[in-house]
Amino acid sequence: MSLRFLLVLALGMLAVGASCRERADLAGNTVRVTYSDKKVELDVVSCGLDEDVFVLVASSADAVVQLLLVTVDDEVEPTASALTVEVAGDGILGAGSAALLQVAATAPGEIDAASIRGDRVDVTATARVLDGTPADGTIRVEVAARCPAVDDFV
């Protein structure tokens, strides 16, 4: 499965000069991902908002998070957005648009809720394992981050 599309888009946002800053309940330039009974904190590589598309990429030694949120009338459109979380030993979890994730239409889970308020970004998803087992089960995933590029987003 190719996740290059999200990474290329995120790197493009980095070139524009977007970067994330500290969130009150997280260390600076950190994203917190909670899934199953695990919490993972990652360093932000890039994040930003370009008109109606928000992109975030974060990584650690054994994990990568890629998030693309599409907004319509200042609200996130979950069906046009995508999230992947890859943690060593747990495979790749995915939710959102099958086209963005480049998987079969029935494979990804769903983004249940997503919001961009000020510089705060929160996502809740019912994800599926995209590259291994259990392919038939779902896993609840929560992502919390802060990005100054969206300070004025309502």
C-alpha atoms as a PDB file:
ATOM      1  CA  MET A   1       0.000   0.000   0.000  1.00  0.00           C
ATOM      2  CA  SER A   2       1.345   3.423  -0.935  1.00  0.00           C
ATOM      3  CA  LEU A   3       1.079   6.333   1.476  1.00  0.00           C
ATOM      4  CA  ARG A   4       3.226   8.575  -0.715  1.00  0.00           C
ATOM      5  CA  PHE A   5       0.377  10.912  -1.641  1.00  0.00           C
ATOM      6  CA  LEU A   6      -0.099  12.103   1.942  1.00  0.00           C
ATOM      7  CA  LEU A   7       3.640  12.385   2.533  1.00  0.00           C
ATOM      8  CA  VAL A   8       4.213  14.403  -0.661  1.00  0.00           C
ATOM      9  CA  LEU A   9       1.371  16.737   0.252  1.00  0.00           C
ATOM     10  CA  ALA A  10       2.762  17.173   3.763  1.00  0.00           C
ATOM     11  CA  LEU A  11       6.234  17.936   2.477  1.00  0.00           C
ATOM     12  CA  GLY A  12       4.701  20.539   0.195  1.00  0.00           C
ATOM     13  CA  MET A  13       3.138  22.183   3.226  1.00  0.00           C
ATOM     14  CA  LEU A  14       6.539  22.185   4.930  1.00  0.00           C
ATOM     15  CA  ALA A  15       7.971  24.079   1.976  1.00  0.00           C
ATOM     16  CA  VAL A  16       5.344  26.765   2.538  1.00  0.00           C
ATOM     17  CA  GLY A  17       6.804  27.224   5.991  1.00  0.00           C
ATOM     18  CA  ALA A  18       4.101  25.675   8.128  1.00  0.00           C
ATOM     19  CA  SER A  19       5.132  24.139  11.416  1.00  0.00           C
ATOM     20  CA  CYS A  20       3.445  23.045  14.631  1.00  0.00           C
ATOM     21  CA  ARG A  21       3.913  24.425  18.120  1.00  0.00           C
ATOM     22  CA  GLU A  22       3.254  23.367  21.668  1.00  0.00           C
ATOM     23  CA  ARG A  23      -0.199  22.297  22.793  1.00  0.00           C
ATOM     24  CA  ALA A  24      -0.996  22.907  26.470  1.00  0.00           C
ATOM     25  CA  ASP A  25      -1.350  19.186  27.257  1.00  0.00           C
ATOM     26  CA  LEU A  26       1.519  18.063  24.974  1.00  0.00           C
ATOM     27  CA  ALA A  27       5.201  18.904  24.720  1.00  0.00           C
ATOM     28  CA  GLY A  28       6.078  21.260  21.866  1.00  0.00           C
ATOM     29  CA  ASN A  29       5.897  19.810  18.344  1.00  0.00           C
ATOM     30  CA  THR A  30       4.230  16.645  19.562  1.00  0.00           C
ATOM     31  CA  VAL A  31       1.233  14.631  18.391  1.00  0.00           C
ATOM     32  CA  ARG A  32      -0.474  12.178  20.711  1.00  0.00           C
ATOM     33  CA  VAL A  33      -2.135   9.102  19.230  1.00  0.00           C
ATOM     34  CA  THR A  34      -4.274   6.856  21.403  1.00  0.00           C
ATOM     35  CA  TYR A  35      -5.492   3.489  20.113  1.00  0.00           C
ATOM     36  CA  SER A  36      -6.535   0.249  21.780  1.00  0.00           C
ATOM     37  CA  ASP A  37      -4.886   0.550  25.190  1.00  0.00           C
ATOM     38  CA  LYS A  38      -1.789   2.334  23.865  1.00  0.00           C
ATOM     39  CA  LYS A  39      -0.601   5.942  23.718  1.00  0.00           C
ATOM     40  CA  VAL A  40       2.152   7.029  21.364  1.00  0.00           C
ATOM     41  CA  GLU A  41       3.741  10.464  21.174  1.00  0.00           C
ATOM     42  CA  LEU A  42       5.450  11.546  17.987  1.00  0.00           C
ATOM     43  CA  ASP A  43       7.443  14.555  16.813  1.00  0.00           C
ATOM     44  CA  VAL A  44       5.796  16.734  14.198  1.00  0.00           C
ATOM     45  CA  VAL A  45       7.584  16.681  10.845  1.00  0.00           C
ATOM     46  CA  SER A  46       5.194  19.064   9.100  1.00  0.00           C
ATOM     47  CA  CYS A  47       1.727  20.525   9.496  1.00  0.00           C
ATOM     48  CA  GLY A  48      -0.258  23.303   7.933  1.00  0.00           C
ATOM     49  CA  LEU A  49      -3.428  24.566   6.328  1.00  0.00           C
ATOM     50  CA  ASP A  50      -3.611  25.560   2.672  1.00  0.00           C
ATOM     51  CA  GLU A  51      -7.041  27.019   1.936  1.00  0.00           C
ATOM     52  CA  ASP A  52      -9.320  24.020   2.553  1.00  0.00           C
ATOM     53  CA  VAL A  53      -6.760  21.239   3.165  1.00  0.00           C
ATOM     54  CA  PHE A  54      -4.998  20.568   6.470  1.00  0.00           C
ATOM     55  CA  VAL A  55      -2.005  18.210   6.468  1.00  0.00           C
ATOM     56  CA  LEU A  56      -0.004  16.797   9.352  1.00  0.00           C
ATOM     57  CA  VAL A  57       2.880  14.309   9.386  1.00  0.00           C
ATOM     58  CA  ALA A  58       4.523  13.140  12.592  1.00  0.00           C
ATOM     59  CA  SER A  59       7.071  10.425  13.336  1.00  0.00           C
ATOM     60  CA  SER A  60       9.073   8.711  16.039  1.00  0.00           C
ATOM     61  CA  ALA A  61      11.611   5.881  15.983  1.00  0.00           C
ATOM     62  CA  ASP A  62       8.876   3.286  15.513  1.00  0.00           C
ATOM     63  CA  ALA A  63       5.758   5.182  14.383  1.00  0.00           C
ATOM     64  CA  VAL A  64       4.394   7.486  11.669  1.00  0.00           C
ATOM     65  CA  VAL A  65       1.116   9.429  11.565  1.00  0.00           C
ATOM     66  CA  GLN A  66      -0.257  11.022   8.412  1.00  0.00           C
ATOM     67  CA  LEU A  67      -3.411  13.125   8.496  1.00  0.00           C
ATOM     68  CA  LEU A  68      -5.193  14.959   5.702  1.00  0.00           C
ATOM     69  CA  LEU A  69      -8.377  16.856   6.534  1.00  0.00           C
ATOM     70  CA  VAL A  70     -10.506  18.523   3.870  1.00  0.00           C
ATOM     71  CA  THR A  71     -12.742  21.377   5.023  1.00  0.00           C
ATOM     72  CA  VAL A  72     -16.009  22.594   3.545  1.00  0.00           C
ATOM     73  CA  ASP A  73     -17.550  25.807   4.923  1.00  0.00           C
ATOM     74  CA  ASP A  74     -15.065  25.794   7.824  1.00  0.00           C
ATOM     75  CA  GLU A  75     -15.991  22.258   8.911  1.00  0.00           C
ATOM     76  CA  VAL A  76     -14.008  19.062   8.338  1.00  0.00           C
ATOM     77  CA  GLU A  77     -15.505  16.716   5.751  1.00  0.00           C
ATOM     78  CA  PRO A  78     -14.679  13.239   7.168  1.00  0.00           C
ATOM     79  CA  THR A  79     -15.489  11.281   4.001  1.00  0.00           C
ATOM     80  CA  ALA A  80     -12.997  13.364   1.990  1.00  0.00           C
ATOM     81  CA  SER A  81     -10.272  13.113   4.659  1.00  0.00           C
ATOM     82  CA  ALA A  82      -7.804  10.377   5.599  1.00  0.00           C
ATOM     83  CA  LEU A  83      -5.726   9.186   8.547  1.00  0.00           C
ATOM     84  CA  THR A  84      -2.992   6.568   8.769  1.00  0.00           C
ATOM     85  CA  VAL A  85      -1.157   5.450  11.871  1.00  0.00           C
ATOM     86  CA  GLU A  86       1.739   3.031  11.474  1.00  0.00           C
ATOM     87  CA  VAL A  87       3.316   1.626  14.628  1.00  0.00           C
ATOM     88  CA  ALA A  88       6.001  -1.060  14.555  1.00  0.00           C
ATOM     89  CA  GLY A  89       4.431  -4.380  15.474  1.00  0.00           C
ATOM     90  CA  ASP A  90       0.850  -3.131  15.033  1.00  0.00           C
ATOM     91  CA  GLY A  91       0.761  -2.574  11.279  1.00  0.00           C
ATOM     92  CA  ILE A  92      -0.884   0.320   9.467  1.00  0.00           C
ATOM     93  CA  LEU A  93      -4.218   1.581  10.755  1.00  0.00           C
ATOM     94  CA  GLY A  94      -6.310   3.563   8.297  1.00  0.00           C
ATOM     95  CA  ALA A  95      -9.529   5.543   8.268  1.00  0.00           C
ATOM     96  CA  GLY A  96     -11.241   7.849   5.812  1.00  0.00           C
ATOM     97  CA  SER A  97     -11.224   8.129   2.045  1.00  0.00           C
ATOM     98  CA  ALA A  98     -10.289   4.878   0.304  1.00  0.00           C
ATOM     99  CA  ALA A  99      -9.076   6.879  -2.702  1.00  0.00           C
ATOM    100  CA  LEU A 100      -6.631   8.903  -0.585  1.00  0.00           C
ATOM    101  CA  LEU A 101      -5.482   5.789   1.245  1.00  0.00           C
ATOM    102  CA  GLN A 102      -5.155   3.933  -2.077  1.00  0.00           C
ATOM    103  CA  VAL A 103      -6.973   0.858  -0.793  1.00  0.00           C
ATOM    104  CA  ALA A 104     -10.146  -1.045  -1.700  1.00  0.00           C
ATOM    105  CA  ALA A 105     -13.316   0.895  -0.914  1.00  0.00           C
ATOM    106  CA  THR A 106     -14.297  -1.552   1.833  1.00  0.00           C
ATOM    107  CA  ALA A 107     -10.893  -1.608   3.541  1.00  0.00           C
ATOM    108  CA  PRO A 108     -10.515   1.638   5.510  1.00  0.00           C
ATOM    109  CA  GLY A 109     -12.385   2.584   8.627  1.00  0.00           C
ATOM    110  CA  GLU A 110     -14.177   5.878   9.134  1.00  0.00           C
ATOM    111  CA  ILE A 111     -13.242   9.234  10.567  1.00  0.00           C
ATOM    112  CA  ASP A 112     -15.991   9.658  13.157  1.00  0.00           C
ATOM    113  CA  ALA A 113     -15.209  13.223  14.211  1.00  0.00           C
ATOM    114  CA  ALA A 114     -12.577  15.783  13.309  1.00  0.00           C
ATOM    115  CA  SER A 115     -12.197  19.396  14.266  1.00  0.00           C
ATOM    116  CA  ILE A 116      -9.847  22.275  13.704  1.00  0.00           C
ATOM    117  CA  ARG A 117     -10.456  25.006  16.276  1.00  0.00           C
ATOM    118  CA  GLY A 118      -7.880  27.740  16.510  1.00  0.00           C
ATOM    119  CA  ASP A 119      -4.578  25.910  16.391  1.00  0.00           C
ATOM    120  CA  ARG A 120      -6.009  22.737  17.935  1.00  0.00           C
ATOM    121  CA  VAL A 121      -6.626  19.652  15.792  1.00  0.00           C
ATOM    122  CA  ASP A 122      -8.516  16.631  17.128  1.00  0.00           C
ATOM    123  CA  VAL A 123      -9.569  13.488  15.274  1.00  0.00           C
ATOM    124  CA  THR A 124     -11.473  10.406  16.382  1.00  0.00           C
ATOM    125  CA  ALA A 125     -11.674   7.460  14.013  1.00  0.00           C
ATOM    126  CA  THR A 126     -12.802   3.865  13.797  1.00  0.00           C
ATOM    127  CA  ALA A 127      -9.799   2.514  11.906  1.00  0.00           C
ATOM    128  CA  ARG A 128      -8.991  -0.816  10.309  1.00  0.00           C
ATOM    129  CA  VAL A 129      -5.683  -2.594   9.981  1.00  0.00           C
ATOM    130  CA  LEU A 130      -4.741  -2.088   6.313  1.00  0.00           C
ATOM    131  CA  ASP A 131      -1.714  -4.365   6.028  1.00  0.00           C
ATOM    132  CA  GLY A 132      -2.258  -7.352   8.267  1.00  0.00           C
ATOM    133  CA  THR A 133      -4.499  -8.833  10.917  1.00  0.00           C
ATOM    134  CA  PRO A 134      -7.122  -8.273  12.167  1.00  0.00           C
ATOM    135  CA  ALA A 135      -8.358  -7.031   8.810  1.00  0.00           C
ATOM    136  CA  ASP A 136     -11.975  -7.645   9.802  1.00  0.00           C
ATOM    137  CA  GLY A 137     -11.908  -5.730  13.118  1.00  0.00           C
ATOM    138  CA  THR A 138     -11.901  -2.050  13.905  1.00  0.00           C
ATOM    139  CA  ILE A 139      -9.765  -0.054  16.326  1.00  0.00           C
ATOM    140  CA  ARG A 140     -10.697   3.289  17.870  1.00  0.00           C
ATOM    141  CA  VAL A 141      -7.988   5.894  17.213  1.00  0.00           C
ATOM    142  CA  GLU A 142      -7.713   9.396  18.692  1.00  0.00           C
ATOM    143  CA  VAL A 143      -5.246  12.006  17.468  1.00  0.00           C
ATOM    144  CA  ALA A 144      -4.558  15.300  19.283  1.00  0.00           C
ATOM    145  CA  ALA A 145      -2.227  17.988  17.945  1.00  0.00           C
ATOM    146  CA  ARG A 146      -1.634  21.711  17.679  1.00  0.00           C
ATOM    147  CA  CYS A 147      -0.594  23.626  14.578  1.00  0.00           C
ATOM    148  CA  PRO A 148      -0.078  27.418  14.419  1.00  0.00           C
ATOM    149  CA  ALA A 149      -0.899  27.501  10.701  1.00  0.00           C
ATOM    150  CA  VAL A 150      -4.567  27.168  11.622  1.00  0.00           C
ATOM    151  CA  ASP A 151      -4.659  29.832  14.374  1.00  0.00           C
ATOM    152  CA  ASP A 152      -7.397  31.784  12.657  1.00  0.00           C
ATOM    153  CA  PHE A 153      -9.504  28.786  11.607  1.00  0.00           C
ATOM    154  CA  VAL A 154     -12.880  28.810  13.365  1.00  0.00           C
END
